[in-house]
Amino acid sequence: MKDIIRLIGVILLVAGILFALRPDLPRRLIQFFKKGARIYLAGAARLALAVVFLVGAENCRHKWVIVGFGILFMMSGLIIFALGAARLRGLIGWFAKLPALVLRGLGVSASVLGAIICYCA
């Protein structure tokens, strides 16, 4: 399970680097999730990540960090389902209009979080 958590960290690290280098990628991803009920895929994925992190935290180097990320993933997944698709579309629209520099900064932040997950796993 520790290796799965580390793989998730690597994926987050690489995705963050890609988003920092090409801010059009998160915009395309946003357009994908904006259609229909696809936003619930993101909620389900976050809940699945929460389960993986909370179950696998016991075998990790810094389990309290992994548990913290698991709780954050769980809360964000539940918020997606609680708000509903209609409210989230407005938030997604706002996010899509952010300047490229902000999207690059968010990509760098995602890379740092991915590196922290890899280190703590």
PDB file of N, CA and C in Angstrom:
ATOM      1  N   MET A   1       0.822  -1.186   0.000  1.00  0.00           N
ATOM      2  CA  MET A   1       0.000   0.000   0.000  1.00  0.00           C
ATOM      3  C   MET A   1       0.871   1.257   0.000  1.00  0.00           C
ATOM      4  N   LYS A   2       2.019   1.140   0.666  1.00  0.00           N
ATOM      5  CA  LYS A   2       2.945   2.265   0.704  1.00  0.00           C
ATOM      6  C   LYS A   2       3.413   2.634  -0.703  1.00  0.00           C
ATOM      7  N   ASP A   3       3.619   1.622  -1.538  1.00  0.00           N
ATOM      8  CA  ASP A   3       4.059   1.880  -2.909  1.00  0.00           C
ATOM      9  C   ASP A   3       2.973   2.564  -3.726  1.00  0.00           C
ATOM     10  N   ILE A   4       1.728   2.235  -3.468  1.00  0.00           N
ATOM     11  CA  ILE A   4       0.616   2.895  -4.167  1.00  0.00           C
ATOM     12  C   ILE A   4       0.564   4.363  -3.777  1.00  0.00           C
ATOM     13  N   ILE A   5       0.744   4.649  -2.492  1.00  0.00           N
ATOM     14  CA  ILE A   5       0.742   6.044  -2.033  1.00  0.00           C
ATOM     15  C   ILE A   5       1.907   6.796  -2.660  1.00  0.00           C
ATOM     16  N   ARG A   6       3.059   6.150  -2.715  1.00  0.00           N
ATOM     17  CA  ARG A   6       4.223   6.790  -3.338  1.00  0.00           C
ATOM     18  C   ARG A   6       3.974   7.033  -4.833  1.00  0.00           C
ATOM     19  N   LEU A   7       3.311   6.090  -5.514  1.00  0.00           N
ATOM     20  CA  LEU A   7       2.980   6.260  -6.929  1.00  0.00           C
ATOM     21  C   LEU A   7       2.020   7.443  -7.119  1.00  0.00           C
ATOM     22  N   ILE A   8       1.058   7.573  -6.231  1.00  0.00           N
ATOM     23  CA  ILE A   8       0.138   8.721  -6.299  1.00  0.00           C
ATOM     24  C   ILE A   8       0.914  10.019  -6.132  1.00  0.00           C
ATOM     25  N   GLY A   9       1.887  10.032  -5.225  1.00  0.00           N
ATOM     26  CA  GLY A   9       2.734  11.208  -5.047  1.00  0.00           C
ATOM     27  C   GLY A   9       3.522  11.542  -6.299  1.00  0.00           C
ATOM     28  N   VAL A  10       4.050  10.523  -6.960  1.00  0.00           N
ATOM     29  CA  VAL A  10       4.818  10.741  -8.193  1.00  0.00           C
ATOM     30  C   VAL A  10       3.896  11.284  -9.295  1.00  0.00           C
ATOM     31  N   ILE A  11       2.698  10.725  -9.394  1.00  0.00           N
ATOM     32  CA  ILE A  11       1.745  11.204 -10.403  1.00  0.00           C
ATOM     33  C   ILE A  11       1.396  12.666 -10.142  1.00  0.00           C
ATOM     34  N   LEU A  12       1.171  13.015  -8.879  1.00  0.00           N
ATOM     35  CA  LEU A  12       0.867  14.403  -8.526  1.00  0.00           C
ATOM     36  C   LEU A  12       2.046  15.309  -8.825  1.00  0.00           C
ATOM     37  N   LEU A  13       3.246  14.848  -8.558  1.00  0.00           N
ATOM     38  CA  LEU A  13       4.455  15.614  -8.838  1.00  0.00           C
ATOM     39  C   LEU A  13       4.595  15.891 -10.334  1.00  0.00           C
ATOM     40  N   VAL A  14       4.432  14.854 -11.151  1.00  0.00           N
ATOM     41  CA  VAL A  14       4.563  15.009 -12.602  1.00  0.00           C
ATOM     42  C   VAL A  14       3.440  15.875 -13.168  1.00  0.00           C
ATOM     43  N   ALA A  15       2.212  15.659 -12.685  1.00  0.00           N
ATOM     44  CA  ALA A  15       1.087  16.477 -13.155  1.00  0.00           C
ATOM     45  C   ALA A  15       1.302  17.937 -12.794  1.00  0.00           C
ATOM     46  N   GLY A  16       1.817  18.197 -11.610  1.00  0.00           N
ATOM     47  CA  GLY A  16       2.092  19.578 -11.216  1.00  0.00           C
ATOM     48  C   GLY A  16       3.136  20.229 -12.102  1.00  0.00           C
ATOM     49  N   ILE A  17       4.169  19.479 -12.446  1.00  0.00           N
ATOM     50  CA  ILE A  17       5.200  20.018 -13.344  1.00  0.00           C
ATOM     51  C   ILE A  17       4.594  20.325 -14.710  1.00  0.00           C
ATOM     52  N   LEU A  18       3.774  19.390 -15.225  1.00  0.00           N
ATOM     53  CA  LEU A  18       3.132  19.624 -16.524  1.00  0.00           C
ATOM     54  C   LEU A  18       2.213  20.845 -16.482  1.00  0.00           C
ATOM     55  N   PHE A  19       1.457  20.992 -15.405  1.00  0.00           N
ATOM     56  CA  PHE A  19       0.554  22.135 -15.274  1.00  0.00           C
ATOM     57  C   PHE A  19       1.336  23.440 -15.145  1.00  0.00           C
ATOM     58  N   ALA A  20       2.500  23.394 -14.496  1.00  0.00           N
ATOM     59  CA  ALA A  20       3.315  24.595 -14.373  1.00  0.00           C
ATOM     60  C   ALA A  20       3.921  24.991 -15.712  1.00  0.00           C
ATOM     61  N   LEU A  21       4.289  23.998 -16.509  1.00  0.00           N
ATOM     62  CA  LEU A  21       4.892  24.295 -17.807  1.00  0.00           C
ATOM     63  C   LEU A  21       3.853  24.658 -18.863  1.00  0.00           C
ATOM     64  N   ARG A  22       2.674  24.052 -18.772  1.00  0.00           N
ATOM     65  CA  ARG A  22       1.630  24.287 -19.782  1.00  0.00           C
ATOM     66  C   ARG A  22       0.298  24.572 -19.085  1.00  0.00           C
ATOM     67  N   PRO A  23       0.013  25.841 -18.769  1.00  0.00           N
ATOM     68  CA  PRO A  23      -1.217  26.173 -18.047  1.00  0.00           C
ATOM     69  C   PRO A  23      -2.494  25.945 -18.852  1.00  0.00           C
ATOM     70  N   ASP A  24      -2.373  25.607 -20.124  1.00  0.00           N
ATOM     71  CA  ASP A  24      -3.574  25.279 -20.898  1.00  0.00           C
ATOM     72  C   ASP A  24      -4.097  23.878 -20.546  1.00  0.00           C
ATOM     73  N   LEU A  25      -3.244  23.007 -20.002  1.00  0.00           N
ATOM     74  CA  LEU A  25      -3.673  21.657 -19.631  1.00  0.00           C
ATOM     75  C   LEU A  25      -4.737  21.656 -18.524  1.00  0.00           C
ATOM     76  N   PRO A  26      -4.548  22.418 -17.429  1.00  0.00           N
ATOM     77  CA  PRO A  26      -5.623  22.422 -16.436  1.00  0.00           C
ATOM     78  C   PRO A  26      -6.919  23.005 -16.982  1.00  0.00           C
ATOM     79  N   ARG A  27      -6.816  23.951 -17.896  1.00  0.00           N
ATOM     80  CA  ARG A  27      -8.039  24.513 -18.490  1.00  0.00           C
ATOM     81  C   ARG A  27      -8.790  23.455 -19.303  1.00  0.00           C
ATOM     82  N   ARG A  28      -8.050  22.628 -20.033  1.00  0.00           N
ATOM     83  CA  ARG A  28      -8.695  21.552 -20.790  1.00  0.00           C
ATOM     84  C   ARG A  28      -9.303  20.507 -19.858  1.00  0.00           C
ATOM     85  N   LEU A  29      -8.600  20.222 -18.777  1.00  0.00           N
ATOM     86  CA  LEU A  29      -9.120  19.288 -17.790  1.00  0.00           C
ATOM     87  C   LEU A  29     -10.399  19.839 -17.149  1.00  0.00           C
ATOM     88  N   ILE A  30     -10.422  21.127 -16.901  1.00  0.00           N
ATOM     89  CA  ILE A  30     -11.610  21.779 -16.341  1.00  0.00           C
ATOM     90  C   ILE A  30     -12.779  21.647 -17.308  1.00  0.00           C
ATOM     91  N   GLN A  31     -12.538  21.852 -18.575  1.00  0.00           N
ATOM     92  CA  GLN A  31     -13.612  21.732 -19.562  1.00  0.00           C
ATOM     93  C   GLN A  31     -14.161  20.305 -19.620  1.00  0.00           C
ATOM     94  N   PHE A  32     -13.293  19.326 -19.398  1.00  0.00           N
ATOM     95  CA  PHE A  32     -13.750  17.936 -19.374  1.00  0.00           C
ATOM     96  C   PHE A  32     -14.711  17.713 -18.211  1.00  0.00           C
ATOM     97  N   PHE A  33     -14.338  18.158 -17.029  1.00  0.00           N
ATOM     98  CA  PHE A  33     -15.158  17.914 -15.844  1.00  0.00           C
ATOM     99  C   PHE A  33     -16.402  18.801 -15.789  1.00  0.00           C
ATOM    100  N   LYS A  34     -16.426  19.843 -16.587  1.00  0.00           N
ATOM    101  CA  LYS A  34     -17.557  20.767 -16.564  1.00  0.00           C
ATOM    102  C   LYS A  34     -18.806  20.176 -17.216  1.00  0.00           C
ATOM    103  N   LYS A  35     -18.639  19.206 -18.087  1.00  0.00           N
ATOM    104  CA  LYS A  35     -19.759  18.645 -18.839  1.00  0.00           C
ATOM    105  C   LYS A  35     -20.493  17.582 -18.037  1.00  0.00           C
ATOM    106  N   GLY A  36     -21.804  17.667 -18.040  1.00  0.00           N
ATOM    107  CA  GLY A  36     -22.645  16.645 -17.423  1.00  0.00           C
ATOM    108  C   GLY A  36     -22.339  16.420 -15.955  1.00  0.00           C
ATOM    109  N   ALA A  37     -22.331  15.184 -15.572  1.00  0.00           N
ATOM    110  CA  ALA A  37     -22.085  14.812 -14.176  1.00  0.00           C
ATOM    111  C   ALA A  37     -20.652  14.336 -13.968  1.00  0.00           C
ATOM    112  N   ARG A  38     -19.749  14.731 -14.847  1.00  0.00           N
ATOM    113  CA  ARG A  38     -18.359  14.282 -14.738  1.00  0.00           C
ATOM    114  C   ARG A  38     -17.677  14.795 -13.475  1.00  0.00           C
ATOM    115  N   ILE A  39     -18.194  15.881 -12.921  1.00  0.00           N
ATOM    116  CA  ILE A  39     -17.587  16.422 -11.700  1.00  0.00           C
ATOM    117  C   ILE A  39     -17.636  15.393 -10.578  1.00  0.00           C
ATOM    118  N   TYR A  40     -18.640  14.523 -10.628  1.00  0.00           N
ATOM    119  CA  TYR A  40     -18.738  13.494  -9.595  1.00  0.00           C
ATOM    120  C   TYR A  40     -17.638  12.445  -9.723  1.00  0.00           C
ATOM    121  N   LEU A  41     -17.027  12.326 -10.894  1.00  0.00           N
ATOM    122  CA  LEU A  41     -15.861  11.453 -11.046  1.00  0.00           C
ATOM    123  C   LEU A  41     -14.713  11.952 -10.173  1.00  0.00           C
ATOM    124  N   ALA A  42     -14.549  13.267 -10.138  1.00  0.00           N
ATOM    125  CA  ALA A  42     -13.503  13.848  -9.299  1.00  0.00           C
ATOM    126  C   ALA A  42     -13.795  13.577  -7.832  1.00  0.00           C
ATOM    127  N   GLY A  43     -15.052  13.693  -7.428  1.00  0.00           N
ATOM    128  CA  GLY A  43     -15.416  13.401  -6.043  1.00  0.00           C
ATOM    129  C   GLY A  43     -15.173  11.954  -5.682  1.00  0.00           C
ATOM    130  N   ALA A  44     -15.544  11.053  -6.576  1.00  0.00           N
ATOM    131  CA  ALA A  44     -15.325   9.620  -6.325  1.00  0.00           C
ATOM    132  C   ALA A  44     -13.828   9.302  -6.273  1.00  0.00           C
ATOM    133  N   ALA A  45     -13.043   9.931  -7.149  1.00  0.00           N
ATOM    134  CA  ALA A  45     -11.595   9.703  -7.145  1.00  0.00           C
ATOM    135  C   ALA A  45     -10.977  10.198  -5.844  1.00  0.00           C
ATOM    136  N   ARG A  46     -11.439  11.327  -5.351  1.00  0.00           N
ATOM    137  CA  ARG A  46     -10.908  11.851  -4.092  1.00  0.00           C
ATOM    138  C   ARG A  46     -11.269  10.950  -2.919  1.00  0.00           C
ATOM    139  N   LEU A  47     -12.486  10.417  -2.930  1.00  0.00           N
ATOM    140  CA  LEU A  47     -12.863   9.501  -1.860  1.00  0.00           C
ATOM    141  C   LEU A  47     -12.055   8.210  -1.923  1.00  0.00           C
ATOM    142  N   ALA A  48     -11.781   7.731  -3.134  1.00  0.00           N
ATOM    143  CA  ALA A  48     -10.952   6.536  -3.283  1.00  0.00           C
ATOM    144  C   ALA A  48      -9.523   6.803  -2.794  1.00  0.00           C
ATOM    145  N   LEU A  49      -8.985   7.982  -3.118  1.00  0.00           N
ATOM    146  CA  LEU A  49      -7.652   8.336  -2.625  1.00  0.00           C
ATOM    147  C   LEU A  49      -7.644   8.420  -1.105  1.00  0.00           C
ATOM    148  N   ALA A  50      -8.724   8.935  -0.526  1.00  0.00           N
ATOM    149  CA  ALA A  50      -8.819   9.024   0.932  1.00  0.00           C
ATOM    150  C   ALA A  50      -8.727   7.638   1.559  1.00  0.00           C
ATOM    151  N   VAL A  51      -9.437   6.689   0.978  1.00  0.00           N
ATOM    152  CA  VAL A  51      -9.402   5.322   1.511  1.00  0.00           C
ATOM    153  C   VAL A  51      -7.992   4.746   1.415  1.00  0.00           C
ATOM    154  N   VAL A  52      -7.351   4.922   0.278  1.00  0.00           N
ATOM    155  CA  VAL A  52      -5.988   4.400   0.092  1.00  0.00           C
ATOM    156  C   VAL A  52      -5.036   5.032   1.106  1.00  0.00           C
ATOM    157  N   PHE A  53      -5.126   6.334   1.291  1.00  0.00           N
ATOM    158  CA  PHE A  53      -4.214   7.021   2.202  1.00  0.00           C
ATOM    159  C   PHE A  53      -4.484   6.631   3.655  1.00  0.00           C
ATOM    160  N   LEU A  54      -5.744   6.553   4.035  1.00  0.00           N
ATOM    161  CA  LEU A  54      -6.058   6.239   5.428  1.00  0.00           C
ATOM    162  C   LEU A  54      -5.728   4.780   5.772  1.00  0.00           C
ATOM    163  N   VAL A  55      -5.958   3.881   4.829  1.00  0.00           N
ATOM    164  CA  VAL A  55      -5.647   2.472   5.082  1.00  0.00           C
ATOM    165  C   VAL A  55      -4.138   2.233   5.031  1.00  0.00           C
ATOM    166  N   GLY A  56      -3.459   2.869   4.115  1.00  0.00           N
ATOM    167  CA  GLY A  56      -2.031   2.629   3.934  1.00  0.00           C
ATOM    168  C   GLY A  56      -1.124   3.460   4.811  1.00  0.00           C
ATOM    169  N   ALA A  57      -1.672   4.370   5.589  1.00  0.00           N
ATOM    170  CA  ALA A  57      -0.836   5.266   6.390  1.00  0.00           C
ATOM    171  C   ALA A  57      -0.014   4.530   7.439  1.00  0.00           C
ATOM    172  N   GLU A  58      -0.515   3.427   7.923  1.00  0.00           N
ATOM    173  CA  GLU A  58       0.169   2.690   8.995  1.00  0.00           C
ATOM    174  C   GLU A  58       1.575   2.238   8.592  1.00  0.00           C
ATOM    175  N   ASN A  59       1.786   1.969   7.308  1.00  0.00           N
ATOM    176  CA  ASN A  59       3.083   1.468   6.836  1.00  0.00           C
ATOM    177  C   ASN A  59       4.021   2.564   6.360  1.00  0.00           C
ATOM    178  N   CYS A  60       3.603   3.803   6.438  1.00  0.00           N
ATOM    179  CA  CYS A  60       4.397   4.912   5.904  1.00  0.00           C
ATOM    180  C   CYS A  60       5.361   5.481   6.941  1.00  0.00           C
ATOM    181  N   ARG A  61       6.354   6.182   6.458  1.00  0.00           N
ATOM    182  CA  ARG A  61       7.390   6.777   7.302  1.00  0.00           C
ATOM    183  C   ARG A  61       6.799   7.815   8.255  1.00  0.00           C
ATOM    184  N   HIS A  62       6.028   8.737   7.726  1.00  0.00           N
ATOM    185  CA  HIS A  62       5.379   9.786   8.524  1.00  0.00           C
ATOM    186  C   HIS A  62       3.878   9.619   8.367  1.00  0.00           C
ATOM    187  N   LYS A  63       3.324   8.707   9.133  1.00  0.00           N
ATOM    188  CA  LYS A  63       1.922   8.339   8.931  1.00  0.00           C
ATOM    189  C   LYS A  63       0.965   9.474   9.223  1.00  0.00           C
ATOM    190  N   TRP A  64       1.294  10.377  10.135  1.00  0.00           N
ATOM    191  CA  TRP A  64       0.382  11.474  10.448  1.00  0.00           C
ATOM    192  C   TRP A  64       0.215  12.416   9.261  1.00  0.00           C
ATOM    193  N   VAL A  65       1.250  12.563   8.436  1.00  0.00           N
ATOM    194  CA  VAL A  65       1.133  13.401   7.236  1.00  0.00           C
ATOM    195  C   VAL A  65       0.212  12.720   6.223  1.00  0.00           C
ATOM    196  N   ILE A  66       0.392  11.435   6.042  1.00  0.00           N
ATOM    197  CA  ILE A  66      -0.433  10.678   5.098  1.00  0.00           C
ATOM    198  C   ILE A  66      -1.885  10.653   5.572  1.00  0.00           C
ATOM    199  N   VAL A  67      -2.103  10.490   6.877  1.00  0.00           N
ATOM    200  CA  VAL A  67      -3.459  10.538   7.422  1.00  0.00           C
ATOM    201  C   VAL A  67      -4.067  11.923   7.173  1.00  0.00           C
ATOM    202  N   GLY A  68      -3.270  12.963   7.349  1.00  0.00           N
ATOM    203  CA  GLY A  68      -3.744  14.328   7.088  1.00  0.00           C
ATOM    204  C   GLY A  68      -4.186  14.505   5.644  1.00  0.00           C
ATOM    205  N   PHE A  69      -3.387  14.003   4.709  1.00  0.00           N
ATOM    206  CA  PHE A  69      -3.785  14.076   3.303  1.00  0.00           C
ATOM    207  C   PHE A  69      -5.035  13.240   3.043  1.00  0.00           C
ATOM    208  N   GLY A  70      -5.124  12.083   3.682  1.00  0.00           N
ATOM    209  CA  GLY A  70      -6.317  11.254   3.540  1.00  0.00           C
ATOM    210  C   GLY A  70      -7.563  11.968   4.016  1.00  0.00           C
ATOM    211  N   ILE A  71      -7.463  12.661   5.139  1.00  0.00           N
ATOM    212  CA  ILE A  71      -8.607  13.423   5.647  1.00  0.00           C
ATOM    213  C   ILE A  71      -8.963  14.569   4.698  1.00  0.00           C
ATOM    214  N   LEU A  72      -7.952  15.249   4.169  1.00  0.00           N
ATOM    215  CA  LEU A  72      -8.219  16.329   3.204  1.00  0.00           C
ATOM    216  C   LEU A  72      -8.895  15.799   1.936  1.00  0.00           C
ATOM    217  N   PHE A  73      -8.421  14.657   1.443  1.00  0.00           N
ATOM    218  CA  PHE A  73      -9.055  14.058   0.268  1.00  0.00           C
ATOM    219  C   PHE A  73     -10.502  13.679   0.564  1.00  0.00           C
ATOM    220  N   MET A  74     -10.734  13.135   1.744  1.00  0.00           N
ATOM    221  CA  MET A  74     -12.095  12.743   2.106  1.00  0.00           C
ATOM    222  C   MET A  74     -13.013  13.969   2.196  1.00  0.00           C
ATOM    223  N   MET A  75     -12.533  15.011   2.850  1.00  0.00           N
ATOM    224  CA  MET A  75     -13.348  16.217   2.983  1.00  0.00           C
ATOM    225  C   MET A  75     -13.650  16.837   1.623  1.00  0.00           C
ATOM    226  N   SER A  76     -12.646  16.896   0.751  1.00  0.00           N
ATOM    227  CA  SER A  76     -12.868  17.504  -0.561  1.00  0.00           C
ATOM    228  C   SER A  76     -13.819  16.671  -1.409  1.00  0.00           C
ATOM    229  N   GLY A  77     -13.723  15.346  -1.305  1.00  0.00           N
ATOM    230  CA  GLY A  77     -14.653  14.487  -2.036  1.00  0.00           C
ATOM    231  C   GLY A  77     -16.076  14.653  -1.544  1.00  0.00           C
ATOM    232  N   LEU A  78     -16.247  14.717  -0.230  1.00  0.00           N
ATOM    233  CA  LEU A  78     -17.584  14.902   0.332  1.00  0.00           C
ATOM    234  C   LEU A  78     -18.163  16.270  -0.017  1.00  0.00           C
ATOM    235  N   ILE A  79     -17.314  17.288  -0.049  1.00  0.00           N
ATOM    236  CA  ILE A  79     -17.776  18.629  -0.418  1.00  0.00           C
ATOM    237  C   ILE A  79     -18.273  18.654  -1.854  1.00  0.00           C
ATOM    238  N   ILE A  80     -17.599  17.941  -2.743  1.00  0.00           N
ATOM    239  CA  ILE A  80     -18.046  17.879  -4.142  1.00  0.00           C
ATOM    240  C   ILE A  80     -19.455  17.318  -4.215  1.00  0.00           C
ATOM    241  N   PHE A  81     -19.713  16.239  -3.489  1.00  0.00           N
ATOM    242  CA  PHE A  81     -21.052  15.646  -3.518  1.00  0.00           C
ATOM    243  C   PHE A  81     -22.065  16.515  -2.790  1.00  0.00           C
ATOM    244  N   ALA A  82     -21.648  17.208  -1.741  1.00  0.00           N
ATOM    245  CA  ALA A  82     -22.571  18.035  -0.972  1.00  0.00           C
ATOM    246  C   ALA A  82     -22.992  19.287  -1.738  1.00  0.00           C
ATOM    247  N   LEU A  83     -22.066  19.899  -2.466  1.00  0.00           N
ATOM    248  CA  LEU A  83     -22.390  21.126  -3.192  1.00  0.00           C
ATOM    249  C   LEU A  83     -23.241  20.858  -4.426  1.00  0.00           C
ATOM    250  N   GLY A  84     -22.986  19.765  -5.087  1.00  0.00           N
ATOM    251  CA  GLY A  84     -23.731  19.449  -6.297  1.00  0.00           C
ATOM    252  C   GLY A  84     -23.105  20.057  -7.535  1.00  0.00           C
ATOM    253  N   ALA A  85     -23.484  19.510  -8.664  1.00  0.00           N
ATOM    254  CA  ALA A  85     -22.875  19.903  -9.942  1.00  0.00           C
ATOM    255  C   ALA A  85     -23.189  21.343 -10.312  1.00  0.00           C
ATOM    256  N   ALA A  86     -24.390  21.819 -10.028  1.00  0.00           N
ATOM    257  CA  ALA A  86     -24.783  23.177 -10.436  1.00  0.00           C
ATOM    258  C   ALA A  86     -23.900  24.223  -9.762  1.00  0.00           C
ATOM    259  N   ARG A  87     -23.699  24.097  -8.472  1.00  0.00           N
ATOM    260  CA  ARG A  87     -22.857  25.072  -7.763  1.00  0.00           C
ATOM    261  C   ARG A  87     -21.401  24.960  -8.175  1.00  0.00           C
ATOM    262  N   LEU A  88     -20.954  23.742  -8.407  1.00  0.00           N
ATOM    263  CA  LEU A  88     -19.550  23.548  -8.759  1.00  0.00           C
ATOM    264  C   LEU A  88     -19.221  24.083 -10.149  1.00  0.00           C
ATOM    265  N   ARG A  89     -20.189  24.106 -11.035  1.00  0.00           N
ATOM    266  CA  ARG A  89     -19.920  24.650 -12.375  1.00  0.00           C
ATOM    267  C   ARG A  89     -19.527  26.121 -12.302  1.00  0.00           C
ATOM    268  N   GLY A  90     -20.153  26.869 -11.410  1.00  0.00           N
ATOM    269  CA  GLY A  90     -19.768  28.272 -11.229  1.00  0.00           C
ATOM    270  C   GLY A  90     -18.347  28.398 -10.715  1.00  0.00           C
ATOM    271  N   LEU A  91     -17.988  27.561  -9.763  1.00  0.00           N
ATOM    272  CA  LEU A  91     -16.631  27.568  -9.228  1.00  0.00           C
ATOM    273  C   LEU A  91     -15.620  27.140 -10.287  1.00  0.00           C
ATOM    274  N   ILE A  92     -15.995  26.157 -11.075  1.00  0.00           N
ATOM    275  CA  ILE A  92     -15.110  25.689 -12.147  1.00  0.00           C
ATOM    276  C   ILE A  92     -14.917  26.783 -13.191  1.00  0.00           C
ATOM    277  N   GLY A  93     -16.005  27.500 -13.514  1.00  0.00           N
ATOM    278  CA  GLY A  93     -15.899  28.605 -14.471  1.00  0.00           C
ATOM    279  C   GLY A  93     -14.951  29.686 -13.979  1.00  0.00           C
ATOM    280  N   TRP A  94     -15.035  30.005 -12.687  1.00  0.00           N
ATOM    281  CA  TRP A  94     -14.134  30.994 -12.116  1.00  0.00           C
ATOM    282  C   TRP A  94     -12.686  30.509 -12.188  1.00  0.00           C
ATOM    283  N   PHE A  95     -12.468  29.250 -11.860  1.00  0.00           N
ATOM    284  CA  PHE A  95     -11.123  28.682 -11.869  1.00  0.00           C
ATOM    285  C   PHE A  95     -10.536  28.701 -13.278  1.00  0.00           C
ATOM    286  N   ALA A  96     -11.364  28.446 -14.278  1.00  0.00           N
ATOM    287  CA  ALA A  96     -10.878  28.419 -15.665  1.00  0.00           C
ATOM    288  C   ALA A  96     -10.429  29.789 -16.139  1.00  0.00           C
ATOM    289  N   LYS A  97     -10.931  30.850 -15.513  1.00  0.00           N
ATOM    290  CA  LYS A  97     -10.581  32.213 -15.921  1.00  0.00           C
ATOM    291  C   LYS A  97      -9.346  32.766 -15.213  1.00  0.00           C
ATOM    292  N   LEU A  98      -8.741  31.993 -14.343  1.00  0.00           N
ATOM    293  CA  LEU A  98      -7.555  32.460 -13.629  1.00  0.00           C
ATOM    294  C   LEU A  98      -6.411  32.708 -14.609  1.00  0.00           C
ATOM    295  N   PRO A  99      -5.559  33.694 -14.317  1.00  0.00           N
ATOM    296  CA  PRO A  99      -4.414  33.948 -15.201  1.00  0.00           C
ATOM    297  C   PRO A  99      -3.446  32.767 -15.227  1.00  0.00           C
ATOM    298  N   ALA A 100      -2.681  32.702 -16.290  1.00  0.00           N
ATOM    299  CA  ALA A 100      -1.731  31.595 -16.466  1.00  0.00           C
ATOM    300  C   ALA A 100      -0.712  31.543 -15.334  1.00  0.00           C
ATOM    301  N   LEU A 101      -0.310  32.698 -14.834  1.00  0.00           N
ATOM    302  CA  LEU A 101       0.677  32.724 -13.759  1.00  0.00           C
ATOM    303  C   LEU A 101       0.135  32.048 -12.493  1.00  0.00           C
ATOM    304  N   VAL A 102      -1.129  32.261 -12.192  1.00  0.00           N
ATOM    305  CA  VAL A 102      -1.744  31.620 -11.024  1.00  0.00           C
ATOM    306  C   VAL A 102      -1.823  30.111 -11.234  1.00  0.00           C
ATOM    307  N   LEU A 103      -2.201  29.696 -12.440  1.00  0.00           N
ATOM    308  CA  LEU A 103      -2.256  28.264 -12.735  1.00  0.00           C
ATOM    309  C   LEU A 103      -0.870  27.628 -12.646  1.00  0.00           C
ATOM    310  N   ARG A 104       0.145  28.354 -13.069  1.00  0.00           N
ATOM    311  CA  ARG A 104       1.514  27.837 -12.936  1.00  0.00           C
ATOM    312  C   ARG A 104       1.892  27.684 -11.463  1.00  0.00           C
ATOM    313  N   GLY A 105       1.510  28.654 -10.658  1.00  0.00           N
ATOM    314  CA  GLY A 105       1.779  28.576  -9.222  1.00  0.00           C
ATOM    315  C   GLY A 105       1.067  27.396  -8.575  1.00  0.00           C
ATOM    316  N   LEU A 106      -0.166  27.139  -8.993  1.00  0.00           N
ATOM    317  CA  LEU A 106      -0.891  25.985  -8.479  1.00  0.00           C
ATOM    318  C   LEU A 106      -0.221  24.679  -8.921  1.00  0.00           C
ATOM    319  N   GLY A 107       0.338  24.670 -10.131  1.00  0.00           N
ATOM    320  CA  GLY A 107       1.077  23.497 -10.599  1.00  0.00           C
ATOM    321  C   GLY A 107       2.322  23.246  -9.762  1.00  0.00           C
ATOM    322  N   VAL A 108       3.034  24.314  -9.431  1.00  0.00           N
ATOM    323  CA  VAL A 108       4.211  24.176  -8.576  1.00  0.00           C
ATOM    324  C   VAL A 108       3.795  23.669  -7.192  1.00  0.00           C
ATOM    325  N   SER A 109       2.687  24.193  -6.675  1.00  0.00           N
ATOM    326  CA  SER A 109       2.183  23.740  -5.370  1.00  0.00           C
ATOM    327  C   SER A 109       1.830  22.252  -5.406  1.00  0.00           C
ATOM    328  N   ALA A 110       1.208  21.816  -6.489  1.00  0.00           N
ATOM    329  CA  ALA A 110       0.871  20.394  -6.621  1.00  0.00           C
ATOM    330  C   ALA A 110       2.134  19.544  -6.662  1.00  0.00           C
ATOM    331  N   SER A 111       3.169  20.036  -7.326  1.00  0.00           N
ATOM    332  CA  SER A 111       4.435  19.299  -7.376  1.00  0.00           C
ATOM    333  C   SER A 111       5.047  19.175  -5.989  1.00  0.00           C
ATOM    334  N   VAL A 112       4.996  20.249  -5.233  1.00  0.00           N
ATOM    335  CA  VAL A 112       5.545  20.211  -3.870  1.00  0.00           C
ATOM    336  C   VAL A 112       4.760  19.220  -3.013  1.00  0.00           C
ATOM    337  N   LEU A 113       3.436  19.232  -3.126  1.00  0.00           N
ATOM    338  CA  LEU A 113       2.621  18.286  -2.366  1.00  0.00           C
ATOM    339  C   LEU A 113       2.922  16.844  -2.779  1.00  0.00           C
ATOM    340  N   GLY A 114       3.109  16.614  -4.065  1.00  0.00           N
ATOM    341  CA  GLY A 114       3.471  15.281  -4.542  1.00  0.00           C
ATOM    342  C   GLY A 114       4.824  14.835  -3.979  1.00  0.00           C
ATOM    343  N   ALA A 115       5.775  15.756  -3.919  1.00  0.00           N
ATOM    344  CA  ALA A 115       7.080  15.427  -3.360  1.00  0.00           C
ATOM    345  C   ALA A 115       6.968  15.117  -1.862  1.00  0.00           C
ATOM    346  N   ILE A 116       6.137  15.858  -1.153  1.00  0.00           N
ATOM    347  CA  ILE A 116       5.937  15.600   0.278  1.00  0.00           C
ATOM    348  C   ILE A 116       5.316  14.216   0.483  1.00  0.00           C
ATOM    349  N   ILE A 117       4.335  13.877  -0.349  1.00  0.00           N
ATOM    350  CA  ILE A 117       3.715  12.564  -0.245  1.00  0.00           C
ATOM    351  C   ILE A 117       4.732  11.462  -0.509  1.00  0.00           C
ATOM    352  N   CYS A 118       5.556  11.640  -1.531  1.00  0.00           N
ATOM    353  CA  CYS A 118       6.588  10.631  -1.842  1.00  0.00           C
ATOM    354  C   CYS A 118       7.562  10.475  -0.671  1.00  0.00           C
ATOM    355  N   TYR A 119       7.978  11.574  -0.080  1.00  0.00           N
ATOM    356  CA  TYR A 119       8.925  11.524   1.027  1.00  0.00           C
ATOM    357  C   TYR A 119       8.313  10.854   2.252  1.00  0.00           C
ATOM    358  N   CYS A 120       7.062  11.160   2.547  1.00  0.00           N
ATOM    359  CA  CYS A 120       6.418  10.650   3.756  1.00  0.00           C
ATOM    360  C   CYS A 120       5.951   9.213   3.621  1.00  0.00           C
ATOM    361  N   ALA A 121       5.812   8.724   2.396  1.00  0.00           N
ATOM    362  CA  ALA A 121       5.314   7.353   2.195  1.00  0.00           C
ATOM    363  C   ALA A 121       6.362   6.316   2.525  1.00  0.00           C
TER     364      ALA A 121
END
